[in-house]
Amino acid sequence: MKLIFNKYFLYSYIFLSCAILSNCSAGILDSDNQSTQQIFKTKVIDGYISGANVFIDMNWNLKQDLNEPSAYEDTENEIYYFEESQFSAIDNWSIACSQRRPRVAEVPVGAIDSSRGVVSEEYDMYFFPYQSGGGEQGESRANVTPLTSIFISYISSSLDGSNISDVDGCGENANVIANLVIPKVENTLSILSANFNISAYSFYEDFIASGNAELQAYAELIVDFLKTATTVSKIIEDEYEINLTTQLDRSLIQKILSKEEFSEITFALFSQTELVQLDDGYEQLYLYGFYGVTSNNQGKLIDNNGNEYELNITNLLANTDFRIRDMKITRSPIFGNNKVLLEFRNDNETGINRHIDIGTFVLDENLMRVSSNDKKREIVKELFGDGYSLTIKNDNNSYFDYEFERIFSSRDPNELEDIYNEVMALDPNMETMINNRYLLFDGDMHQLRNGEWGYIESKDSSSFYVNCYNSSTNESVNGSDGYELCSQHIQ
């Protein structure tokens, strides 16, 4: 339970007196009779939320530390605000510094939502700054909403406040994170705006004041899923005695933003531990994920028969695919502009899994992946659905047969660059796919994807199976006709 500062009660008393006497100025008096200025005015919105705990996360760990004060609440004007004196413990603090930090709203059970009534399930919302100044942010204002909260799913890999004390929240290390996160938020904002025909500034607006019913509908649906995700995270925290940060699956976010109606949806729920610095420039985190999660359109999890089930660890394990993923990430490029992500996990179905991702890790740019488990090796050039992939199931196939265990142990940048160059040398298209058939042994396959179109070649004994398909229309054509069809649609 969070402590409420005694000064809040002083303010409540003075505010009530002002309302009765009608002769108070815009500022209030502190204990030394000095006028104080309200700064960082913040609205917490699904409907307007009263009773939230709002703080500025100075060190980027998304947790409230000792010297990160809670905001006061002005219930009449439906805003939260801070005073400069509250930040006195932060070294070299300035308004400009706090402008470039997240604001977090913890919404507890019993808070009041002006549109939906009493809150029955707790959840958190986030505001991430997307520009250094100007507009409302230049006035130190912010709206913390479900729409501003979705950006955590796109920038979480850049958050690393675990080794920064709250008093150093305006120091060099915290500023480095700000310089990484803010451009990433801007880039994500631009891409989502273009993909879903939503004004970039709409994500940050007060949609209650503007009367934007469409944005409010987005927000209410996102909150339903945030509540479920928060409950699931707390179940994992209790089960494994860890602290987690929760985020929504990007595919779920995109489904919501696409305005498609659905009665149920399948997605994943993720929670991650704090990043830990390793000696060689890598950072390590553990990602706890429930995959194959099915929900109705109120964000309630359902089983295969469409029935809601109680959220507990037993039911979650019975109705989803649970994985713990050990991930090591480089903060800075190790060659060129390329960073590296190494992931290890142990699945019941496929055994030990290791994969290596190399690329810029910018949202709209491509990556390459090489991976291995007990059943197959896979080489992918260009992720996010499009591009070329080679799946090797034949143990006698020596192509791209890397010593993953040793590579994960040594993390040699020269060897990782060699792997990257070998994969990127593959340059297949519909005209050259046939030239890559030498990579296929019995049981192996390769595939070329471009949007909804896909082309597959697989080897069985001395013959090749060829198929062209459309994932949207379910059109499927085999053989030479399939090759000709895909040649018309895949470049």
Protein backbone atom coordinates (compact mmCIF):
# COMPACT_ATOMS: atom_id res chain seq x y z
CA MET A 1 0.00 0.00 0.00
CA LYS A 2 1.38 3.40 -0.97
CA LEU A 3 1.74 6.13 1.67
CA ILE A 4 -0.09 9.40 1.01
CA PHE A 5 2.01 12.45 1.90
CA ASN A 6 0.76 14.49 4.86
CA LYS A 7 0.93 17.60 2.69
CA TYR A 8 -2.01 16.22 0.72
CA PHE A 9 -4.25 16.64 3.77
CA LEU A 10 -2.99 20.20 4.25
CA TYR A 11 -3.89 20.94 0.63
CA SER A 12 -7.35 19.34 1.01
CA TYR A 13 -8.06 21.54 4.02
CA ILE A 14 -6.93 24.70 2.23
CA PHE A 15 -8.85 23.78 -0.92
CA LEU A 16 -12.06 23.32 1.10
CA SER A 17 -11.49 26.68 2.83
CA CYS A 18 -10.98 28.37 -0.55
CA ALA A 19 -14.21 26.89 -1.84
CA ILE A 20 -16.11 28.34 1.14
CA LEU A 21 -14.42 31.75 1.43
CA SER A 22 -13.80 32.27 -2.32
CA ASN A 23 -10.77 34.47 -1.68
CA CYS A 24 -7.75 32.22 -2.33
CA SER A 25 -5.19 32.69 -5.09
CA ALA A 26 -4.28 30.07 -7.73
CA GLY A 27 -1.29 28.93 -5.70
CA ILE A 28 -1.37 27.44 -2.21
CA LEU A 29 0.83 28.11 0.81
CA ASP A 30 3.37 25.63 2.05
CA SER A 31 4.33 25.22 5.69
CA ASP A 32 6.65 28.26 5.44
CA ASN A 33 3.87 30.46 4.02
CA GLN A 34 5.56 30.47 0.60
CA SER A 35 3.36 30.37 -2.50
CA THR A 36 3.91 27.17 -4.46
CA GLN A 37 3.30 26.58 -8.15
CA GLN A 38 1.41 23.62 -9.53
CA ILE A 39 3.56 21.86 -12.14
CA PHE A 40 3.26 18.74 -14.30
CA LYS A 41 -0.53 18.89 -14.39
CA THR A 42 -1.70 15.42 -15.34
CA LYS A 43 -5.02 13.89 -16.28
CA VAL A 44 -5.64 10.17 -15.83
CA ILE A 45 -8.24 9.11 -18.35
CA ASP A 46 -10.39 6.16 -19.25
CA GLY A 47 -13.16 8.30 -18.10
CA TYR A 48 -11.49 10.80 -15.75
CA ILE A 49 -10.00 8.70 -12.93
CA SER A 50 -10.11 9.88 -9.33
CA GLY A 51 -8.14 8.08 -6.65
CA ALA A 52 -5.12 6.99 -8.72
CA ASN A 53 -1.54 7.13 -7.49
CA VAL A 54 0.40 9.21 -10.02
CA PHE A 55 4.18 9.62 -10.05
CA ILE A 56 6.99 10.63 -12.42
CA ASP A 57 9.40 7.73 -12.92
CA MET A 58 12.74 9.52 -12.77
CA ASN A 59 14.95 6.44 -13.19
CA TRP A 60 12.97 4.52 -15.85
CA ASN A 61 12.23 1.38 -13.83
CA LEU A 62 8.43 1.95 -13.92
CA LYS A 63 8.32 1.51 -10.13
CA GLN A 64 7.77 4.22 -7.53
CA ASP A 65 10.95 4.65 -5.52
CA LEU A 66 11.36 6.46 -2.21
CA ASN A 67 12.23 9.88 -3.65
CA GLU A 68 9.64 9.81 -6.46
CA PRO A 69 6.67 11.65 -4.92
CA SER A 70 3.00 11.03 -5.54
CA ALA A 71 0.97 13.79 -7.18
CA TYR A 72 -1.72 15.77 -5.40
CA GLU A 73 -5.22 15.46 -6.80
CA ASP A 74 -7.50 18.40 -7.60
CA THR A 75 -10.83 16.61 -7.75
CA GLU A 76 -12.77 19.71 -8.81
CA ASN A 77 -10.69 20.19 -11.97
CA GLU A 78 -10.05 16.45 -12.40
CA ILE A 79 -6.28 16.81 -12.55
CA TYR A 80 -3.24 15.67 -10.62
CA TYR A 81 -0.27 17.98 -10.07
CA PHE A 82 3.12 18.25 -8.38
CA GLU A 83 5.12 21.01 -6.69
CA GLU A 84 8.83 21.72 -7.18
CA SER A 85 9.60 21.13 -3.49
CA GLN A 86 8.57 17.48 -3.86
CA PHE A 87 11.63 16.82 -6.06
CA SER A 88 14.22 18.28 -3.68
CA ALA A 89 15.91 14.91 -3.13
CA ILE A 90 16.67 14.43 -6.85
CA ASP A 91 20.20 15.60 -7.72
CA ASN A 92 20.38 18.32 -10.39
CA TRP A 93 16.61 18.18 -10.79
CA SER A 94 14.88 20.48 -13.28
CA ILE A 95 11.47 20.77 -14.87
CA ALA A 96 13.08 19.96 -18.23
CA CYS A 97 14.44 16.70 -16.78
CA SER A 98 11.07 15.50 -15.48
CA GLN A 99 9.44 16.43 -18.79
CA ARG A 100 11.59 13.71 -20.37
CA ARG A 101 10.52 10.98 -17.95
CA PRO A 102 7.47 8.66 -17.91
CA ARG A 103 4.45 9.34 -15.76
CA VAL A 104 2.79 6.33 -14.20
CA ALA A 105 -0.79 6.11 -12.95
CA GLU A 106 -1.56 3.20 -10.64
CA VAL A 107 -5.34 2.74 -10.63
CA PRO A 108 -6.48 0.75 -7.59
CA VAL A 109 -9.68 -1.08 -6.85
CA GLY A 110 -12.14 1.51 -5.55
CA ALA A 111 -10.92 4.38 -7.73
CA ILE A 112 -13.69 6.24 -9.53
CA ASP A 113 -13.94 6.32 -13.32
CA SER A 114 -16.23 9.18 -14.39
CA SER A 115 -17.49 7.14 -17.35
CA ARG A 116 -17.57 3.59 -15.99
CA GLY A 117 -18.02 3.97 -12.24
CA VAL A 118 -16.10 2.26 -9.46
CA VAL A 119 -12.96 0.41 -10.60
CA SER A 120 -13.22 -3.27 -9.67
CA GLU A 121 -9.83 -4.48 -11.00
CA GLU A 122 -6.54 -2.65 -10.55
CA TYR A 123 -4.30 -1.70 -13.48
CA ASP A 124 -1.47 0.65 -14.42
CA MET A 125 -1.23 3.22 -17.22
CA TYR A 126 1.80 5.02 -18.64
CA PHE A 127 2.66 8.26 -20.38
CA PHE A 128 5.91 8.29 -22.36
CA PRO A 129 7.19 11.66 -23.63
CA TYR A 130 7.34 11.82 -27.41
CA GLN A 131 8.95 15.22 -27.94
CA SER A 132 11.33 17.43 -25.99
CA GLY A 133 9.08 20.47 -25.77
CA GLY A 134 6.21 22.45 -27.22
CA GLY A 135 2.47 22.12 -26.91
CA GLU A 136 1.07 20.65 -23.74
CA GLN A 137 4.33 18.95 -22.87
CA GLY A 138 6.07 22.32 -23.00
CA GLU A 139 3.60 23.43 -20.34
CA SER A 140 4.46 20.29 -18.35
CA ARG A 141 1.01 18.79 -18.96
CA ALA A 142 0.22 15.20 -19.86
CA ASN A 143 -2.72 12.87 -20.36
CA VAL A 144 -2.11 9.34 -19.06
CA THR A 145 -4.49 7.11 -21.00
CA PRO A 146 -4.81 3.56 -22.31
CA LEU A 147 -3.62 4.85 -25.70
CA THR A 148 -0.42 6.34 -24.26
CA SER A 149 0.09 3.09 -22.34
CA ILE A 150 0.38 0.88 -25.43
CA PHE A 151 3.81 2.31 -26.27
CA ILE A 152 5.40 0.23 -23.52
CA SER A 153 4.98 -2.79 -25.82
CA TYR A 154 7.25 -1.11 -28.37
CA ILE A 155 9.92 0.48 -26.19
CA SER A 156 10.28 -1.95 -23.26
CA SER A 157 13.65 -3.25 -24.50
CA SER A 158 15.10 0.26 -24.04
CA LEU A 159 13.93 0.62 -20.43
CA ASP A 160 16.68 -0.05 -17.93
CA GLY A 161 16.36 1.76 -14.65
CA SER A 162 17.33 -1.18 -12.48
CA ASN A 163 20.83 0.21 -11.81
CA ILE A 164 19.87 3.88 -11.50
CA SER A 165 18.93 5.23 -8.08
CA ASP A 166 15.99 7.60 -7.89
CA VAL A 167 18.22 10.45 -6.68
CA ASP A 168 20.24 10.09 -9.92
CA GLY A 169 17.10 10.34 -12.04
CA CYS A 170 18.42 13.45 -13.80
CA GLY A 171 21.91 12.01 -14.22
CA GLU A 172 23.75 10.87 -17.32
CA ASN A 173 22.54 7.26 -17.33
CA ALA A 174 18.88 8.25 -17.02
CA ASN A 175 19.35 10.82 -19.80
CA VAL A 176 20.83 8.11 -22.05
CA ILE A 177 17.63 6.10 -21.68
CA ALA A 178 15.53 9.20 -22.44
CA ASN A 179 17.55 9.75 -25.61
CA LEU A 180 16.79 6.17 -26.67
CA VAL A 181 13.12 6.00 -25.69
CA ILE A 182 11.79 9.35 -26.94
CA PRO A 183 12.84 8.83 -30.60
CA LYS A 184 11.53 5.25 -30.43
CA VAL A 185 8.16 6.51 -29.17
CA GLU A 186 8.08 9.10 -31.98
CA ASN A 187 8.89 6.43 -34.56
CA THR A 188 6.23 4.05 -33.21
CA LEU A 189 3.73 6.90 -33.09
CA SER A 190 4.39 7.69 -36.74
CA ILE A 191 4.07 4.07 -37.87
CA LEU A 192 0.87 3.32 -35.93
CA SER A 193 -0.63 6.59 -37.13
CA ALA A 194 0.09 5.71 -40.77
CA ASN A 195 -0.94 2.05 -40.50
CA PHE A 196 -4.27 2.69 -38.78
CA ASN A 197 -5.16 6.15 -40.11
CA ILE A 198 -5.15 7.72 -36.66
CA SER A 199 -3.77 11.21 -36.12
CA ALA A 200 -0.46 10.95 -34.26
CA TYR A 201 -1.59 13.52 -31.71
CA SER A 202 -4.83 11.63 -31.06
CA PHE A 203 -2.88 9.05 -29.07
CA TYR A 204 -2.06 11.76 -26.51
CA GLU A 205 -5.24 13.81 -26.47
CA ASP A 206 -7.93 14.19 -23.80
CA PHE A 207 -10.60 12.31 -25.72
CA ILE A 208 -13.19 12.99 -23.02
CA ALA A 209 -12.82 16.77 -23.40
CA SER A 210 -12.74 16.54 -27.21
CA GLY A 211 -15.74 14.22 -27.29
CA ASN A 212 -13.88 11.75 -29.50
CA ALA A 213 -16.11 8.69 -29.09
CA GLU A 214 -13.89 6.52 -31.30
CA LEU A 215 -10.82 7.08 -29.13
CA GLN A 216 -12.84 6.50 -25.99
CA ALA A 217 -14.02 3.17 -27.39
CA TYR A 218 -10.38 2.23 -28.11
CA ALA A 219 -9.44 3.23 -24.58
CA GLU A 220 -12.17 1.26 -22.86
CA LEU A 221 -11.29 -1.90 -24.76
CA ILE A 222 -7.57 -1.51 -24.03
CA VAL A 223 -8.30 -1.02 -20.32
CA ASP A 224 -10.27 -4.27 -20.24
CA PHE A 225 -7.18 -6.10 -21.47
CA LEU A 226 -4.86 -4.09 -19.18
CA LYS A 227 -6.85 -5.28 -16.18
CA THR A 228 -6.53 -8.91 -17.27
CA ALA A 229 -2.80 -8.50 -18.01
CA THR A 230 -2.20 -6.92 -14.59
CA THR A 231 -3.98 -9.77 -12.82
CA VAL A 232 -1.95 -12.35 -14.75
CA SER A 233 1.31 -10.55 -13.92
CA LYS A 234 0.50 -10.58 -10.22
CA ILE A 235 -0.20 -14.31 -10.41
CA ILE A 236 3.26 -14.85 -11.96
CA GLU A 237 4.90 -12.55 -9.38
CA ASP A 238 3.37 -14.54 -6.53
CA GLU A 239 4.23 -17.89 -8.12
CA TYR A 240 7.89 -17.07 -8.89
CA GLU A 241 8.55 -14.38 -6.25
CA ILE A 242 9.71 -11.79 -8.77
CA ASN A 243 8.82 -8.23 -9.83
CA LEU A 244 7.47 -7.74 -13.34
CA THR A 245 6.46 -5.07 -15.81
CA THR A 246 3.40 -5.93 -17.88
CA GLN A 247 2.82 -5.22 -21.56
CA LEU A 248 0.18 -6.13 -24.12
CA ASP A 249 0.90 -8.25 -27.17
CA ARG A 250 1.52 -6.04 -30.23
CA SER A 251 -0.81 -8.20 -32.31
CA LEU A 252 -3.60 -7.49 -29.81
CA ILE A 253 -2.91 -3.75 -29.97
CA GLN A 254 -2.99 -3.81 -33.75
CA LYS A 255 -6.25 -5.77 -33.72
CA ILE A 256 -7.84 -3.15 -31.48
CA LEU A 257 -6.54 -0.23 -33.56
CA SER A 258 -7.71 -1.86 -36.80
CA LYS A 259 -11.36 -1.34 -35.71
CA GLU A 260 -12.17 -4.95 -36.57
CA GLU A 261 -15.05 -6.36 -34.58
CA PHE A 262 -14.39 -9.69 -32.87
CA SER A 263 -16.18 -11.98 -30.46
CA GLU A 264 -12.96 -13.65 -29.37
CA ILE A 265 -9.26 -13.20 -30.03
CA THR A 266 -6.08 -15.20 -29.47
CA PHE A 267 -2.91 -13.40 -28.37
CA ALA A 268 -0.07 -13.55 -25.83
CA LEU A 269 0.43 -11.94 -22.43
CA PHE A 270 3.95 -10.82 -21.52
CA SER A 271 5.62 -9.74 -18.31
CA GLN A 272 9.32 -9.07 -17.99
CA THR A 273 11.87 -8.71 -15.22
CA GLU A 274 14.18 -5.73 -14.92
CA LEU A 275 17.26 -5.66 -17.12
CA VAL A 276 20.54 -6.72 -15.50
CA GLN A 277 23.83 -5.38 -16.85
CA LEU A 278 26.38 -8.01 -17.92
CA ASP A 279 30.10 -7.38 -18.21
CA ASP A 280 30.39 -7.57 -22.02
CA GLY A 281 27.84 -4.93 -23.04
CA TYR A 282 24.85 -7.27 -22.92
CA GLU A 283 21.81 -6.85 -20.68
CA GLN A 284 19.78 -9.81 -19.46
CA LEU A 285 16.07 -10.11 -18.71
CA TYR A 286 13.56 -12.92 -18.33
CA LEU A 287 10.29 -12.73 -20.24
CA TYR A 288 7.36 -14.68 -18.79
CA GLY A 289 4.79 -15.31 -21.50
CA PHE A 290 1.45 -17.05 -21.82
CA TYR A 291 0.91 -17.86 -25.50
CA GLY A 292 -2.26 -19.01 -27.20
CA VAL A 293 -4.34 -16.96 -24.77
CA THR A 294 -7.98 -16.69 -25.88
CA SER A 295 -10.25 -13.89 -24.74
CA ASN A 296 -13.72 -12.57 -25.44
CA ASN A 297 -14.25 -8.96 -26.50
CA GLN A 298 -14.45 -7.81 -22.87
CA GLY A 299 -10.90 -8.94 -22.19
CA LYS A 300 -12.01 -11.98 -20.13
CA LEU A 301 -10.01 -15.15 -20.74
CA ILE A 302 -11.98 -18.12 -22.03
CA ASP A 303 -11.31 -21.84 -22.53
CA ASN A 304 -11.77 -23.93 -25.68
CA ASN A 305 -15.52 -24.07 -25.05
CA GLY A 306 -15.85 -20.29 -24.82
CA ASN A 307 -16.35 -20.29 -21.06
CA GLU A 308 -14.68 -17.70 -18.83
CA TYR A 309 -12.34 -19.18 -16.24
CA GLU A 310 -10.97 -17.92 -12.95
CA LEU A 311 -7.51 -16.41 -13.26
CA ASN A 312 -5.11 -18.57 -11.29
CA ILE A 313 -1.87 -20.33 -12.15
CA THR A 314 -3.52 -23.75 -12.56
CA ASN A 315 -6.12 -22.52 -15.05
CA LEU A 316 -3.62 -20.41 -16.98
CA LEU A 317 -1.24 -23.34 -17.41
CA ALA A 318 -4.12 -25.57 -18.50
CA ASN A 319 -5.47 -23.15 -21.11
CA THR A 320 -2.32 -21.51 -22.54
CA ASP A 321 1.24 -22.26 -23.62
CA PHE A 322 3.52 -20.90 -20.86
CA ARG A 323 7.18 -20.12 -21.56
CA ILE A 324 10.02 -18.52 -19.64
CA ARG A 325 12.44 -16.86 -22.04
CA ASP A 326 16.03 -15.93 -21.05
CA MET A 327 17.04 -12.99 -23.25
CA LYS A 328 20.37 -11.18 -23.59
CA ILE A 329 20.42 -7.92 -25.56
CA THR A 330 23.12 -5.49 -26.60
CA ARG A 331 22.26 -1.87 -25.90
CA SER A 332 24.74 -0.57 -28.50
CA PRO A 333 25.53 -1.93 -31.99
CA ILE A 334 28.30 -4.51 -32.06
CA PHE A 335 29.07 -4.02 -35.76
CA GLY A 336 27.71 -1.48 -38.20
CA ASN A 337 24.31 -0.37 -36.90
CA ASN A 338 23.41 -3.87 -35.80
CA LYS A 339 22.50 -5.01 -32.30
CA VAL A 340 22.11 -8.60 -31.12
CA LEU A 341 19.47 -10.46 -29.14
CA LEU A 342 20.19 -13.98 -27.86
CA GLU A 343 17.30 -16.03 -26.50
CA PHE A 344 17.23 -19.35 -24.66
CA ARG A 345 14.16 -21.27 -23.54
CA ASN A 346 13.21 -24.87 -22.81
CA ASP A 347 9.83 -26.03 -24.16
CA ASN A 348 8.06 -29.30 -23.45
CA GLU A 349 7.31 -29.77 -27.15
CA THR A 350 10.53 -28.72 -28.91
CA GLY A 351 13.13 -29.04 -26.14
CA ILE A 352 15.97 -26.52 -25.85
CA ASN A 353 15.48 -23.53 -28.13
CA ARG A 354 18.13 -20.96 -28.98
CA HIS A 355 17.83 -18.14 -31.46
CA ILE A 356 19.95 -15.18 -32.51
CA ASP A 357 18.41 -11.98 -33.86
CA ILE A 358 20.66 -9.40 -35.49
CA GLY A 359 19.56 -6.03 -36.88
CA THR A 360 18.85 -2.41 -36.01
CA PHE A 361 15.72 -3.31 -33.99
CA VAL A 362 13.90 -0.30 -35.41
CA LEU A 363 10.20 -1.07 -35.77
CA ASP A 364 9.91 -0.77 -39.55
CA GLU A 365 13.30 -2.26 -40.41
CA ASN A 366 14.14 -5.90 -40.97
CA LEU A 367 16.05 -8.39 -38.89
CA MET A 368 17.68 -11.73 -39.50
CA ARG A 369 17.30 -14.74 -37.27
CA VAL A 370 19.05 -18.08 -36.94
CA SER A 371 17.52 -20.56 -34.52
CA SER A 372 17.82 -24.15 -33.40
CA ASN A 373 15.85 -26.61 -31.29
CA ASP A 374 15.61 -30.37 -30.93
CA LYS A 375 13.49 -30.69 -34.08
CA LYS A 376 14.79 -28.16 -36.60
CA ARG A 377 17.06 -25.28 -37.54
CA GLU A 378 15.61 -22.15 -39.07
CA ILE A 379 17.23 -19.29 -40.95
CA VAL A 380 15.16 -16.16 -41.59
CA LYS A 381 16.14 -13.09 -43.55
CA GLU A 382 13.70 -10.26 -42.83
CA LEU A 383 11.29 -10.87 -39.97
CA PHE A 384 7.79 -9.50 -39.30
CA GLY A 385 6.16 -12.00 -41.66
CA ASP A 386 7.82 -11.06 -44.93
CA GLY A 387 11.05 -12.25 -46.48
CA TYR A 388 12.84 -15.56 -46.91
CA SER A 389 12.99 -18.46 -44.47
CA LEU A 390 14.82 -21.78 -44.64
CA THR A 391 13.71 -24.63 -42.35
CA ILE A 392 16.16 -27.52 -41.93
CA LYS A 393 14.87 -30.75 -40.33
CA ASN A 394 17.36 -33.17 -41.88
CA ASP A 395 20.25 -33.80 -39.48
CA ASN A 396 22.55 -34.56 -42.42
CA ASN A 397 22.16 -31.03 -43.78
CA SER A 398 25.33 -29.14 -42.83
CA TYR A 399 24.27 -25.72 -44.11
CA PHE A 400 23.98 -23.05 -41.40
CA ASP A 401 24.85 -25.64 -38.76
CA TYR A 402 26.12 -23.32 -36.03
CA GLU A 403 27.39 -24.32 -32.58
CA PHE A 404 24.68 -22.42 -30.73
CA GLU A 405 25.67 -23.43 -27.21
CA ARG A 406 29.26 -22.24 -27.70
CA ILE A 407 28.15 -19.04 -29.47
CA PHE A 408 25.77 -18.20 -26.61
CA SER A 409 28.59 -18.72 -24.14
CA SER A 410 31.30 -16.75 -25.95
CA ARG A 411 29.12 -14.07 -27.63
CA ASP A 412 32.07 -13.37 -29.94
CA PRO A 413 31.15 -10.27 -32.01
CA ASN A 414 33.32 -11.38 -34.95
CA GLU A 415 31.57 -14.74 -35.18
CA LEU A 416 28.15 -13.07 -34.90
CA GLU A 417 29.09 -10.72 -37.74
CA ASP A 418 30.14 -13.72 -39.88
CA ILE A 419 26.76 -15.36 -39.25
CA TYR A 420 24.97 -12.14 -40.18
CA ASN A 421 26.93 -11.77 -43.41
CA GLU A 422 26.31 -15.41 -44.40
CA VAL A 423 22.55 -15.09 -43.95
CA MET A 424 22.30 -11.67 -45.57
CA ALA A 425 24.15 -13.03 -48.62
CA LEU A 426 20.97 -14.97 -49.38
CA ASP A 427 19.04 -12.80 -51.82
CA PRO A 428 16.12 -14.91 -53.00
CA ASN A 429 13.18 -13.80 -55.08
CA MET A 430 10.76 -15.72 -57.26
CA GLU A 431 13.28 -15.86 -60.09
CA THR A 432 16.15 -17.15 -57.96
CA MET A 433 14.32 -19.46 -55.53
CA ILE A 434 15.11 -22.45 -57.73
CA ASN A 435 18.81 -21.67 -57.36
CA ASN A 436 18.54 -22.18 -53.60
CA ARG A 437 17.19 -25.71 -53.90
CA TYR A 438 20.67 -27.03 -53.20
CA LEU A 439 20.08 -25.95 -49.56
CA LEU A 440 17.24 -28.46 -49.20
CA PHE A 441 17.71 -32.05 -48.10
CA ASP A 442 14.85 -34.53 -47.62
CA GLY A 443 12.30 -33.03 -45.21
CA ASP A 444 13.61 -29.47 -45.55
CA MET A 445 11.73 -26.49 -47.00
CA HIS A 446 12.14 -22.83 -47.84
CA GLN A 447 9.55 -20.11 -48.18
CA LEU A 448 9.18 -16.60 -49.60
CA ARG A 449 6.57 -14.27 -48.11
CA ASN A 450 5.32 -10.87 -49.28
CA GLY A 451 2.23 -9.62 -47.47
CA GLU A 452 -0.65 -12.06 -47.90
CA TRP A 453 1.17 -14.10 -50.55
CA GLY A 454 3.50 -16.99 -49.80
CA TYR A 455 5.53 -19.41 -51.93
CA ILE A 456 6.84 -22.73 -50.55
CA GLU A 457 9.22 -25.34 -51.90
CA SER A 458 9.89 -28.52 -49.91
CA LYS A 459 11.98 -31.59 -50.72
CA ASP A 460 10.81 -35.17 -50.39
CA SER A 461 13.15 -37.86 -51.69
CA SER A 462 14.09 -36.72 -55.22
CA SER A 463 11.10 -34.46 -55.87
CA PHE A 464 10.09 -30.93 -54.88
CA TYR A 465 6.66 -29.90 -53.67
CA VAL A 466 5.70 -26.39 -54.86
CA ASN A 467 2.81 -24.31 -53.50
CA CYS A 468 1.59 -20.73 -53.85
CA TYR A 469 -1.01 -19.51 -51.35
CA ASN A 470 -2.88 -16.40 -50.24
CA SER A 471 -3.37 -16.19 -46.47
CA SER A 472 -6.34 -13.82 -46.76
CA THR A 473 -8.41 -15.65 -49.40
CA ASN A 474 -7.12 -19.20 -48.67
CA GLU A 475 -6.32 -19.56 -52.37
CA SER A 476 -3.78 -22.35 -52.91
CA VAL A 477 -2.20 -23.51 -56.19
CA ASN A 478 0.46 -26.22 -56.60
CA GLY A 479 3.17 -26.99 -59.12
CA SER A 480 4.15 -24.84 -62.09
CA ASP A 481 0.83 -22.99 -61.98
CA GLY A 482 1.57 -22.06 -58.38
CA TYR A 483 4.99 -20.77 -59.38
CA GLU A 484 3.46 -18.63 -62.13
CA LEU A 485 0.78 -17.26 -59.80
CA CYS A 486 3.23 -16.25 -57.09
CA SER A 487 5.57 -14.75 -59.69
CA GLN A 488 2.79 -12.24 -60.39
CA HIS A 489 2.41 -11.24 -56.74
CA ILE A 490 5.77 -11.66 -55.01
CA GLN A 491 8.69 -9.49 -56.04
